């Protein structure tokens, strides 16, 4: 976040236009929604893309979260990392595994190392190396391989958004409880 607070502050739900209220729906406690909805045209495009990559993913939930957490860790991002620590926990990752994925630790099993290497290569080079692609292809279909690239690219963009806009974490503990109840995926 900027030293001076949010650059694009979350819009209070009572300030939503009818269009914004319809777009955000029940997600009024999610700061991300309240920031992105300031640009309804982008909200209509970007939020469904994120939903497809997370809730509609064909990647195993743990694999998806290793990729997301490593991407966010490389960006030193806070907002989405906090949310994905909760999602990763729901996907069966323990606290040590979550921390290892964020930090790129070699404490994780070989498959997770392959996933982290893919995220690292995509963030650093915007390209998965031939060796890493081949390792992923031993388990993944063509569509899953494509989804790895979409996912890392999306969360690299998410890190740019949350950091550049100065997106603060939700303020009240019950906000997270409400958000968790709306998530129907692991």
N, C-alpha and C. Protein backbone atom coordinates (compact mmCIF):
# COMPACT_ATOMS: atom_id res chain seq x y z
N UNK A 1 0.84 -1.18 0.00
CA UNK A 1 0.00 0.00 0.00
C UNK A 1 0.88 1.24 0.00
N UNK A 2 0.40 2.27 -0.60
CA UNK A 2 1.10 3.54 -0.62
C UNK A 2 1.26 4.07 0.80
N UNK A 3 2.31 4.82 1.03
CA UNK A 3 2.55 5.40 2.36
C UNK A 3 1.41 6.32 2.77
N UNK A 4 0.67 6.85 1.82
CA UNK A 4 -0.41 7.79 2.10
C UNK A 4 -1.78 7.13 2.13
N UNK A 5 -1.84 5.82 2.24
CA UNK A 5 -3.12 5.12 2.24
C UNK A 5 -3.51 4.67 0.85
N UNK A 6 -4.74 4.18 0.71
CA UNK A 6 -5.19 3.68 -0.60
C UNK A 6 -5.19 4.76 -1.66
N UNK A 7 -4.69 4.42 -2.83
CA UNK A 7 -4.75 5.33 -3.97
C UNK A 7 -6.13 5.28 -4.62
N UNK A 8 -6.71 4.08 -4.61
CA UNK A 8 -8.07 3.88 -5.09
C UNK A 8 -8.83 3.26 -3.92
N UNK A 9 -9.50 4.09 -3.12
CA UNK A 9 -10.13 3.56 -1.91
C UNK A 9 -11.35 2.70 -2.22
N UNK A 10 -11.63 1.75 -1.34
CA UNK A 10 -12.84 0.94 -1.51
C UNK A 10 -14.08 1.83 -1.46
N UNK A 11 -14.99 1.60 -2.35
CA UNK A 11 -16.23 2.35 -2.39
C UNK A 11 -17.18 1.78 -1.33
N UNK A 12 -17.76 2.63 -0.52
CA UNK A 12 -18.73 2.19 0.48
C UNK A 12 -19.97 1.66 -0.23
N UNK A 13 -20.52 0.52 0.19
CA UNK A 13 -21.69 -0.04 -0.49
C UNK A 13 -22.86 0.94 -0.62
N UNK A 14 -23.02 1.83 0.35
CA UNK A 14 -24.13 2.80 0.25
C UNK A 14 -23.88 3.84 -0.85
N UNK A 15 -22.66 3.88 -1.39
CA UNK A 15 -22.34 4.79 -2.49
C UNK A 15 -22.43 4.11 -3.86
N UNK A 16 -22.70 2.81 -3.89
CA UNK A 16 -22.80 2.09 -5.15
C UNK A 16 -23.93 2.65 -6.00
N UNK A 17 -23.69 2.69 -7.30
CA UNK A 17 -24.79 2.90 -8.23
C UNK A 17 -25.56 1.58 -8.32
N UNK A 18 -26.69 1.59 -8.96
CA UNK A 18 -27.45 0.34 -9.14
C UNK A 18 -26.60 -0.68 -9.89
N UNK A 19 -25.88 -0.21 -10.90
CA UNK A 19 -25.02 -1.10 -11.68
C UNK A 19 -23.93 -1.71 -10.80
N UNK A 20 -23.28 -0.90 -10.00
CA UNK A 20 -22.22 -1.39 -9.11
C UNK A 20 -22.77 -2.38 -8.10
N UNK A 21 -23.92 -2.08 -7.52
CA UNK A 21 -24.53 -2.99 -6.54
C UNK A 21 -24.84 -4.34 -7.18
N UNK A 22 -25.33 -4.31 -8.40
CA UNK A 22 -25.63 -5.56 -9.10
C UNK A 22 -24.35 -6.35 -9.38
N UNK A 23 -23.30 -5.66 -9.82
CA UNK A 23 -22.03 -6.34 -10.10
C UNK A 23 -21.44 -6.99 -8.85
N UNK A 24 -21.41 -6.27 -7.75
CA UNK A 24 -20.79 -6.77 -6.52
C UNK A 24 -21.66 -7.83 -5.85
N UNK A 25 -22.96 -7.70 -5.93
CA UNK A 25 -23.85 -8.69 -5.32
C UNK A 25 -23.60 -8.82 -3.83
N UNK A 26 -23.41 -10.05 -3.38
CA UNK A 26 -23.20 -10.33 -1.95
C UNK A 26 -21.79 -10.06 -1.48
N UNK A 27 -20.88 -9.71 -2.37
CA UNK A 27 -19.46 -9.56 -2.03
C UNK A 27 -19.11 -8.15 -1.53
N UNK A 28 -20.04 -7.49 -0.84
CA UNK A 28 -19.81 -6.12 -0.37
C UNK A 28 -18.75 -6.03 0.72
N UNK A 29 -18.43 -7.13 1.38
CA UNK A 29 -17.42 -7.11 2.44
C UNK A 29 -16.01 -7.33 1.89
N UNK A 30 -15.90 -7.65 0.61
CA UNK A 30 -14.61 -7.89 -0.02
C UNK A 30 -14.07 -6.57 -0.57
N UNK A 31 -12.98 -6.10 0.01
CA UNK A 31 -12.38 -4.83 -0.41
C UNK A 31 -12.06 -4.87 -1.91
N UNK A 32 -11.55 -5.98 -2.40
CA UNK A 32 -11.21 -6.09 -3.82
C UNK A 32 -12.41 -5.70 -4.69
N UNK A 33 -13.58 -6.25 -4.38
CA UNK A 33 -14.78 -5.93 -5.16
C UNK A 33 -15.13 -4.46 -5.07
N UNK A 34 -14.99 -3.89 -3.88
CA UNK A 34 -15.36 -2.50 -3.66
C UNK A 34 -14.38 -1.52 -4.31
N UNK A 35 -13.17 -1.97 -4.61
CA UNK A 35 -12.21 -1.15 -5.34
C UNK A 35 -12.43 -1.31 -6.85
N UNK A 36 -12.43 -2.54 -7.32
CA UNK A 36 -12.51 -2.79 -8.76
C UNK A 36 -13.83 -2.29 -9.35
N UNK A 37 -14.91 -2.30 -8.56
CA UNK A 37 -16.21 -1.86 -9.07
C UNK A 37 -16.24 -0.37 -9.37
N UNK A 38 -15.23 0.36 -8.97
CA UNK A 38 -15.13 1.78 -9.35
C UNK A 38 -14.99 1.91 -10.88
N UNK A 39 -14.58 0.80 -11.51
CA UNK A 39 -14.46 0.76 -12.97
C UNK A 39 -15.35 -0.40 -13.45
N UNK A 40 -16.66 -0.18 -13.54
CA UNK A 40 -17.58 -1.28 -13.84
C UNK A 40 -17.25 -2.05 -15.11
N UNK A 41 -16.74 -1.36 -16.13
CA UNK A 41 -16.42 -2.05 -17.38
C UNK A 41 -15.32 -3.10 -17.16
N UNK A 42 -14.31 -2.76 -16.39
CA UNK A 42 -13.24 -3.71 -16.09
C UNK A 42 -13.72 -4.80 -15.14
N UNK A 43 -14.56 -4.45 -14.19
CA UNK A 43 -15.12 -5.42 -13.26
C UNK A 43 -15.83 -6.53 -14.05
N UNK A 44 -16.66 -6.12 -15.04
CA UNK A 44 -17.43 -7.10 -15.83
C UNK A 44 -16.53 -8.06 -16.59
N UNK A 45 -15.33 -7.64 -16.91
CA UNK A 45 -14.40 -8.49 -17.66
C UNK A 45 -13.49 -9.27 -16.72
N UNK A 46 -12.90 -8.57 -15.78
CA UNK A 46 -11.81 -9.16 -14.98
C UNK A 46 -12.31 -10.12 -13.91
N UNK A 47 -13.37 -9.76 -13.20
CA UNK A 47 -13.83 -10.61 -12.10
C UNK A 47 -14.31 -11.98 -12.60
N UNK A 48 -15.07 -12.08 -13.69
CA UNK A 48 -15.42 -13.42 -14.18
C UNK A 48 -14.19 -14.25 -14.60
N UNK A 49 -13.17 -13.58 -15.12
CA UNK A 49 -11.92 -14.27 -15.47
C UNK A 49 -11.29 -14.89 -14.22
N UNK A 50 -11.20 -14.10 -13.15
CA UNK A 50 -10.65 -14.62 -11.89
C UNK A 50 -11.51 -15.77 -11.37
N UNK A 51 -12.82 -15.60 -11.40
CA UNK A 51 -13.72 -16.66 -10.92
C UNK A 51 -13.51 -17.95 -11.69
N UNK A 52 -13.33 -17.86 -13.01
CA UNK A 52 -13.09 -19.06 -13.81
C UNK A 52 -11.78 -19.73 -13.41
N UNK A 53 -10.75 -18.91 -13.20
CA UNK A 53 -9.44 -19.47 -12.85
C UNK A 53 -9.40 -20.07 -11.45
N UNK A 54 -10.22 -19.60 -10.56
CA UNK A 54 -10.22 -20.13 -9.19
C UNK A 54 -11.35 -21.14 -9.00
N UNK A 55 -12.57 -20.69 -9.05
CA UNK A 55 -13.71 -21.57 -8.78
C UNK A 55 -13.95 -22.57 -9.91
N UNK A 56 -13.59 -22.21 -11.14
CA UNK A 56 -13.83 -23.09 -12.27
C UNK A 56 -12.58 -23.81 -12.76
N UNK A 57 -11.53 -23.77 -11.98
CA UNK A 57 -10.26 -24.35 -12.39
C UNK A 57 -10.34 -25.86 -12.61
N UNK A 58 -9.59 -26.33 -13.58
CA UNK A 58 -9.45 -27.78 -13.78
C UNK A 58 -8.15 -28.29 -13.15
N UNK A 59 -7.41 -27.40 -12.51
CA UNK A 59 -6.23 -27.81 -11.76
C UNK A 59 -6.66 -28.30 -10.39
N UNK A 60 -5.94 -29.26 -9.82
CA UNK A 60 -6.25 -29.64 -8.44
C UNK A 60 -6.11 -28.43 -7.52
N UNK A 61 -7.00 -28.27 -6.53
CA UNK A 61 -6.97 -27.09 -5.68
C UNK A 61 -5.61 -26.81 -5.04
N UNK A 62 -4.95 -27.83 -4.53
CA UNK A 62 -3.64 -27.59 -3.91
C UNK A 62 -2.64 -27.07 -4.94
N UNK A 63 -2.62 -27.67 -6.12
CA UNK A 63 -1.70 -27.22 -7.18
C UNK A 63 -1.97 -25.76 -7.53
N UNK A 64 -3.24 -25.44 -7.69
CA UNK A 64 -3.62 -24.06 -8.01
C UNK A 64 -3.11 -23.10 -6.95
N UNK A 65 -3.25 -23.47 -5.69
CA UNK A 65 -2.84 -22.58 -4.60
C UNK A 65 -1.32 -22.47 -4.49
N UNK A 66 -0.59 -23.53 -4.77
CA UNK A 66 0.88 -23.43 -4.79
C UNK A 66 1.30 -22.42 -5.85
N UNK A 67 0.70 -22.50 -7.03
CA UNK A 67 1.02 -21.55 -8.10
C UNK A 67 0.67 -20.12 -7.71
N UNK A 68 -0.51 -19.93 -7.15
CA UNK A 68 -0.95 -18.58 -6.77
C UNK A 68 -0.06 -18.03 -5.66
N UNK A 69 0.16 -18.82 -4.61
CA UNK A 69 0.96 -18.33 -3.49
C UNK A 69 2.38 -17.99 -3.89
N UNK A 70 2.97 -18.82 -4.75
CA UNK A 70 4.35 -18.52 -5.18
C UNK A 70 4.38 -17.25 -6.02
N UNK A 71 3.41 -17.09 -6.91
CA UNK A 71 3.35 -15.88 -7.73
C UNK A 71 3.22 -14.64 -6.85
N UNK A 72 2.33 -14.69 -5.89
CA UNK A 72 2.14 -13.55 -4.99
C UNK A 72 3.36 -13.32 -4.11
N UNK A 73 4.01 -14.40 -3.68
CA UNK A 73 5.23 -14.26 -2.88
C UNK A 73 6.34 -13.58 -3.65
N UNK A 74 6.47 -13.91 -4.92
CA UNK A 74 7.49 -13.27 -5.76
C UNK A 74 7.24 -11.78 -5.90
N UNK A 75 5.98 -11.38 -5.79
CA UNK A 75 5.59 -9.98 -5.93
C UNK A 75 5.57 -9.24 -4.60
N UNK A 76 5.82 -9.95 -3.51
CA UNK A 76 5.75 -9.35 -2.16
C UNK A 76 4.41 -8.66 -1.97
N UNK A 77 3.36 -9.36 -2.34
CA UNK A 77 2.00 -8.85 -2.30
C UNK A 77 1.33 -9.29 -1.00
N UNK A 78 0.50 -8.44 -0.39
CA UNK A 78 -0.12 -8.74 0.90
C UNK A 78 -1.59 -9.09 0.81
N UNK A 79 -2.38 -8.28 0.11
CA UNK A 79 -3.84 -8.45 0.13
C UNK A 79 -4.27 -9.83 -0.36
N UNK A 80 -3.91 -10.17 -1.59
CA UNK A 80 -4.32 -11.46 -2.15
C UNK A 80 -3.64 -12.63 -1.43
N UNK A 81 -2.41 -12.40 -0.97
CA UNK A 81 -1.73 -13.46 -0.22
C UNK A 81 -2.54 -13.83 1.01
N UNK A 82 -3.01 -12.83 1.72
CA UNK A 82 -3.81 -13.09 2.92
C UNK A 82 -5.05 -13.93 2.58
N UNK A 83 -5.74 -13.56 1.51
CA UNK A 83 -6.93 -14.31 1.11
C UNK A 83 -6.57 -15.72 0.66
N UNK A 84 -5.49 -15.85 -0.08
CA UNK A 84 -5.14 -17.18 -0.59
C UNK A 84 -4.51 -18.07 0.48
N UNK A 85 -4.02 -17.51 1.54
CA UNK A 85 -3.61 -18.35 2.68
C UNK A 85 -4.84 -19.06 3.25
N UNK A 86 -5.97 -18.35 3.33
CA UNK A 86 -7.21 -18.97 3.81
C UNK A 86 -7.72 -20.01 2.81
N UNK A 87 -7.69 -19.67 1.53
CA UNK A 87 -8.17 -20.60 0.50
C UNK A 87 -7.28 -21.84 0.47
N UNK A 88 -5.96 -21.65 0.57
CA UNK A 88 -5.02 -22.79 0.56
C UNK A 88 -5.26 -23.69 1.76
N UNK A 89 -5.55 -23.12 2.89
CA UNK A 89 -5.87 -23.91 4.08
C UNK A 89 -7.11 -24.77 3.82
N UNK A 90 -8.12 -24.18 3.18
CA UNK A 90 -9.32 -24.94 2.83
C UNK A 90 -9.03 -26.02 1.79
N UNK A 91 -7.98 -25.82 1.01
CA UNK A 91 -7.59 -26.81 -0.01
C UNK A 91 -6.67 -27.88 0.57
N UNK A 92 -6.45 -27.85 1.88
CA UNK A 92 -5.68 -28.91 2.54
C UNK A 92 -4.22 -28.60 2.80
N UNK A 93 -3.79 -27.39 2.55
CA UNK A 93 -2.40 -27.04 2.83
C UNK A 93 -2.27 -26.61 4.30
N UNK A 94 -1.21 -27.07 4.95
CA UNK A 94 -0.99 -26.64 6.33
C UNK A 94 -0.19 -25.34 6.34
N UNK A 95 -0.05 -24.76 7.51
CA UNK A 95 0.60 -23.45 7.63
C UNK A 95 2.04 -23.47 7.12
N UNK A 96 2.77 -24.55 7.40
CA UNK A 96 4.16 -24.66 6.94
C UNK A 96 4.23 -24.73 5.41
N UNK A 97 3.33 -25.50 4.80
CA UNK A 97 3.30 -25.61 3.34
C UNK A 97 2.95 -24.27 2.69
N UNK A 98 2.01 -23.56 3.29
CA UNK A 98 1.61 -22.25 2.76
C UNK A 98 2.79 -21.29 2.80
N UNK A 99 3.47 -21.25 3.93
CA UNK A 99 4.63 -20.36 4.07
C UNK A 99 5.73 -20.75 3.08
N UNK A 100 5.94 -22.05 2.92
CA UNK A 100 6.97 -22.54 2.00
C UNK A 100 6.64 -22.16 0.56
N UNK A 101 5.36 -22.23 0.19
CA UNK A 101 4.96 -21.86 -1.18
C UNK A 101 5.17 -20.36 -1.41
N UNK A 102 4.79 -19.54 -0.44
CA UNK A 102 4.97 -18.10 -0.58
C UNK A 102 6.45 -17.77 -0.73
N UNK A 103 7.29 -18.41 0.09
CA UNK A 103 8.72 -18.10 0.12
C UNK A 103 9.56 -18.86 -0.89
N UNK A 104 8.97 -19.86 -1.55
CA UNK A 104 9.73 -20.66 -2.52
C UNK A 104 10.69 -21.62 -1.87
N UNK A 105 10.34 -22.12 -0.71
CA UNK A 105 11.20 -23.03 0.05
C UNK A 105 11.30 -24.40 -0.61
N UNK A 106 12.47 -25.02 -0.46
CA UNK A 106 12.64 -26.38 -1.00
C UNK A 106 12.12 -27.43 -0.03
N UNK A 107 11.38 -27.02 1.01
CA UNK A 107 10.81 -27.95 1.98
C UNK A 107 9.58 -28.68 1.42
N UNK A 108 9.04 -28.20 0.32
CA UNK A 108 7.85 -28.82 -0.26
C UNK A 108 8.25 -30.02 -1.12
N UNK A 109 7.31 -30.94 -1.36
CA UNK A 109 7.61 -32.12 -2.18
C UNK A 109 7.97 -31.76 -3.62
N UNK A 110 8.56 -32.73 -4.35
CA UNK A 110 9.03 -32.45 -5.71
C UNK A 110 7.98 -31.87 -6.65
N UNK A 111 6.74 -32.36 -6.61
CA UNK A 111 5.71 -31.82 -7.51
C UNK A 111 5.46 -30.36 -7.21
N UNK A 112 5.38 -29.99 -5.95
CA UNK A 112 5.18 -28.59 -5.58
C UNK A 112 6.38 -27.75 -6.05
N UNK A 113 7.57 -28.33 -6.01
CA UNK A 113 8.76 -27.62 -6.51
C UNK A 113 8.62 -27.33 -8.00
N UNK A 114 8.07 -28.28 -8.73
CA UNK A 114 7.85 -28.09 -10.16
C UNK A 114 6.86 -26.96 -10.40
N UNK A 115 5.77 -26.95 -9.62
CA UNK A 115 4.78 -25.88 -9.74
C UNK A 115 5.40 -24.52 -9.42
N UNK A 116 6.17 -24.46 -8.33
CA UNK A 116 6.81 -23.19 -7.96
C UNK A 116 7.79 -22.74 -9.03
N UNK A 117 8.52 -23.69 -9.61
CA UNK A 117 9.48 -23.34 -10.67
C UNK A 117 8.73 -22.75 -11.87
N UNK A 118 7.57 -23.33 -12.21
CA UNK A 118 6.77 -22.78 -13.32
C UNK A 118 6.36 -21.34 -13.02
N UNK A 119 5.89 -21.08 -11.81
CA UNK A 119 5.50 -19.72 -11.44
C UNK A 119 6.71 -18.78 -11.50
N UNK A 120 7.82 -19.22 -10.99
CA UNK A 120 9.03 -18.39 -10.97
C UNK A 120 9.49 -18.07 -12.39
N UNK A 121 9.47 -19.06 -13.27
CA UNK A 121 9.89 -18.82 -14.66
C UNK A 121 8.94 -17.87 -15.36
N UNK A 122 7.63 -18.04 -15.13
CA UNK A 122 6.66 -17.16 -15.77
C UNK A 122 6.80 -15.72 -15.28
N UNK A 123 7.00 -15.53 -13.99
CA UNK A 123 7.15 -14.17 -13.46
C UNK A 123 8.46 -13.56 -13.94
N UNK A 124 9.52 -14.35 -13.92
CA UNK A 124 10.85 -13.82 -14.28
C UNK A 124 11.01 -13.65 -15.80
N UNK A 125 10.63 -14.68 -16.56
CA UNK A 125 10.92 -14.72 -18.00
C UNK A 125 9.68 -14.62 -18.89
N UNK A 126 8.50 -14.67 -18.29
CA UNK A 126 7.24 -14.77 -19.02
C UNK A 126 7.22 -15.99 -19.94
N UNK A 127 7.87 -17.05 -19.50
CA UNK A 127 8.00 -18.27 -20.30
C UNK A 127 8.31 -19.45 -19.38
N UNK A 128 7.57 -20.54 -19.56
CA UNK A 128 7.89 -21.77 -18.86
C UNK A 128 8.97 -22.47 -19.67
N UNK A 129 10.06 -22.85 -19.03
CA UNK A 129 11.15 -23.52 -19.75
C UNK A 129 10.67 -24.86 -20.30
N UNK A 130 11.38 -25.38 -21.28
CA UNK A 130 11.04 -26.68 -21.86
C UNK A 130 11.06 -27.78 -20.80
N UNK A 131 12.07 -27.77 -19.94
CA UNK A 131 12.18 -28.82 -18.91
C UNK A 131 11.00 -28.77 -17.94
N UNK A 132 10.62 -27.57 -17.52
CA UNK A 132 9.50 -27.45 -16.59
C UNK A 132 8.19 -27.81 -17.28
N UNK A 133 8.02 -27.37 -18.52
CA UNK A 133 6.82 -27.70 -19.29
C UNK A 133 6.67 -29.22 -19.41
N UNK A 134 7.77 -29.89 -19.72
CA UNK A 134 7.74 -31.34 -19.85
C UNK A 134 7.38 -32.01 -18.52
N UNK A 135 7.93 -31.51 -17.44
CA UNK A 135 7.60 -32.07 -16.12
C UNK A 135 6.12 -31.88 -15.80
N UNK A 136 5.58 -30.72 -16.11
CA UNK A 136 4.15 -30.48 -15.89
C UNK A 136 3.30 -31.38 -16.79
N UNK A 137 3.76 -31.57 -18.02
CA UNK A 137 3.00 -32.35 -19.01
C UNK A 137 2.92 -33.83 -18.63
N UNK A 138 3.76 -34.28 -17.73
CA UNK A 138 3.67 -35.67 -17.27
C UNK A 138 2.39 -35.91 -16.47
N UNK A 139 1.81 -34.86 -15.90
CA UNK A 139 0.58 -34.98 -15.12
C UNK A 139 -0.60 -34.22 -15.72
N UNK A 140 -0.32 -33.19 -16.46
CA UNK A 140 -1.37 -32.26 -16.89
C UNK A 140 -1.74 -32.43 -18.35
N UNK A 141 -3.02 -32.19 -18.63
CA UNK A 141 -3.52 -32.14 -20.01
C UNK A 141 -3.08 -30.81 -20.63
N UNK A 142 -3.30 -30.69 -21.92
CA UNK A 142 -2.98 -29.44 -22.60
C UNK A 142 -3.72 -28.26 -21.98
N UNK A 143 -5.01 -28.45 -21.68
CA UNK A 143 -5.80 -27.37 -21.08
C UNK A 143 -5.25 -27.00 -19.69
N UNK A 144 -4.83 -27.99 -18.93
CA UNK A 144 -4.26 -27.69 -17.61
C UNK A 144 -2.95 -26.93 -17.75
N UNK A 145 -2.13 -27.30 -18.72
CA UNK A 145 -0.89 -26.57 -18.96
C UNK A 145 -1.19 -25.11 -19.31
N UNK A 146 -2.19 -24.91 -20.14
CA UNK A 146 -2.58 -23.55 -20.49
C UNK A 146 -3.06 -22.80 -19.26
N UNK A 147 -3.80 -23.49 -18.40
CA UNK A 147 -4.35 -22.85 -17.21
C UNK A 147 -3.25 -22.41 -16.25
N UNK A 148 -2.15 -23.15 -16.19
CA UNK A 148 -1.02 -22.73 -15.36
C UNK A 148 -0.57 -21.33 -15.77
N UNK A 149 -0.44 -21.11 -17.08
CA UNK A 149 0.02 -19.82 -17.59
C UNK A 149 -1.02 -18.73 -17.33
N UNK A 150 -2.30 -19.03 -17.60
CA UNK A 150 -3.36 -18.06 -17.32
C UNK A 150 -3.38 -17.68 -15.84
N UNK A 151 -3.26 -18.68 -14.97
CA UNK A 151 -3.34 -18.45 -13.53
C UNK A 151 -2.21 -17.57 -13.03
N UNK A 152 -0.99 -17.91 -13.39
CA UNK A 152 0.16 -17.12 -12.94
C UNK A 152 0.08 -15.71 -13.52
N UNK A 153 -0.29 -15.59 -14.79
CA UNK A 153 -0.43 -14.27 -15.39
C UNK A 153 -1.49 -13.43 -14.69
N UNK A 154 -2.60 -14.05 -14.35
CA UNK A 154 -3.68 -13.34 -13.67
C UNK A 154 -3.22 -12.86 -12.30
N UNK A 155 -2.54 -13.70 -11.55
CA UNK A 155 -2.14 -13.30 -10.20
C UNK A 155 -0.93 -12.37 -10.20
N UNK A 156 -0.18 -12.37 -11.25
CA UNK A 156 0.85 -11.34 -11.40
C UNK A 156 0.15 -9.98 -11.60
N UNK A 157 -0.89 -9.99 -12.43
CA UNK A 157 -1.70 -8.78 -12.62
C UNK A 157 -2.39 -8.38 -11.33
N UNK A 158 -2.92 -9.35 -10.60
CA UNK A 158 -3.59 -9.05 -9.32
C UNK A 158 -2.62 -8.35 -8.37
N UNK A 159 -1.39 -8.83 -8.32
CA UNK A 159 -0.40 -8.19 -7.45
C UNK A 159 -0.17 -6.75 -7.86
N UNK A 160 -0.11 -6.50 -9.16
CA UNK A 160 0.06 -5.13 -9.64
C UNK A 160 -1.12 -4.25 -9.23
N UNK A 161 -2.33 -4.79 -9.35
CA UNK A 161 -3.52 -4.03 -8.99
C UNK A 161 -3.55 -3.72 -7.49
N UNK A 162 -3.44 -4.75 -6.68
CA UNK A 162 -3.59 -4.55 -5.23
C UNK A 162 -2.51 -3.64 -4.68
N UNK A 163 -1.29 -3.78 -5.18
CA UNK A 163 -0.20 -2.94 -4.68
C UNK A 163 -0.29 -1.51 -5.22
N UNK A 164 -0.56 -1.36 -6.50
CA UNK A 164 -0.63 -0.02 -7.09
C UNK A 164 -1.83 0.77 -6.58
N UNK A 165 -2.96 0.09 -6.38
CA UNK A 165 -4.15 0.78 -5.89
C UNK A 165 -4.09 1.00 -4.38
N UNK A 166 -3.14 0.33 -3.70
CA UNK A 166 -3.03 0.46 -2.24
C UNK A 166 -4.18 -0.22 -1.53
N UNK A 167 -4.52 -1.42 -1.96
CA UNK A 167 -5.69 -2.11 -1.45
C UNK A 167 -5.47 -2.59 0.00
N UNK A 168 -6.26 -2.06 0.93
CA UNK A 168 -6.12 -2.50 2.32
C UNK A 168 -6.86 -3.81 2.58
N UNK A 169 -6.42 -4.52 3.60
CA UNK A 169 -7.16 -5.71 4.03
C UNK A 169 -8.51 -5.29 4.60
N UNK A 170 -9.44 -6.21 4.59
CA UNK A 170 -10.74 -5.96 5.21
C UNK A 170 -10.50 -5.62 6.69
N UNK A 171 -11.31 -4.73 7.22
CA UNK A 171 -11.07 -4.20 8.56
C UNK A 171 -11.60 -5.04 9.70
N UNK A 172 -12.74 -5.64 9.55
CA UNK A 172 -13.37 -6.35 10.67
C UNK A 172 -13.22 -7.86 10.50
N UNK A 173 -13.01 -8.54 11.62
CA UNK A 173 -12.86 -10.00 11.58
C UNK A 173 -14.10 -10.65 10.99
N UNK A 174 -15.28 -10.10 11.26
CA UNK A 174 -16.49 -10.71 10.72
C UNK A 174 -16.60 -10.55 9.20
N UNK A 175 -15.85 -9.59 8.63
CA UNK A 175 -15.80 -9.48 7.17
C UNK A 175 -15.25 -10.77 6.57
N UNK A 176 -14.18 -11.30 7.18
CA UNK A 176 -13.57 -12.53 6.67
C UNK A 176 -14.52 -13.71 6.83
N UNK A 177 -15.25 -13.75 7.93
CA UNK A 177 -16.24 -14.82 8.12
C UNK A 177 -17.30 -14.77 7.03
N UNK A 178 -17.77 -13.57 6.72
CA UNK A 178 -18.79 -13.42 5.67
C UNK A 178 -18.23 -13.82 4.31
N UNK A 179 -17.00 -13.43 4.05
CA UNK A 179 -16.36 -13.77 2.77
C UNK A 179 -16.19 -15.29 2.67
N UNK A 180 -15.73 -15.90 3.74
CA UNK A 180 -15.52 -17.36 3.74
C UNK A 180 -16.83 -18.09 3.46
N UNK A 181 -17.94 -17.61 3.97
CA UNK A 181 -19.23 -18.25 3.75
C UNK A 181 -19.67 -18.15 2.29
N UNK A 182 -19.22 -17.11 1.59
CA UNK A 182 -19.58 -16.95 0.17
C UNK A 182 -18.73 -17.81 -0.74
N UNK A 183 -17.54 -18.19 -0.28
CA UNK A 183 -16.66 -19.01 -1.13
C UNK A 183 -17.20 -20.43 -1.16
N UNK A 184 -17.51 -20.91 -2.34
CA UNK A 184 -18.06 -22.25 -2.48
C UNK A 184 -17.03 -23.20 -3.11
N UNK A 185 -15.79 -22.85 -3.04
CA UNK A 185 -14.71 -23.63 -3.65
C UNK A 185 -13.57 -23.77 -2.65
N UNK A 186 -12.70 -24.71 -2.92
CA UNK A 186 -11.49 -24.83 -2.10
C UNK A 186 -10.30 -24.41 -2.92
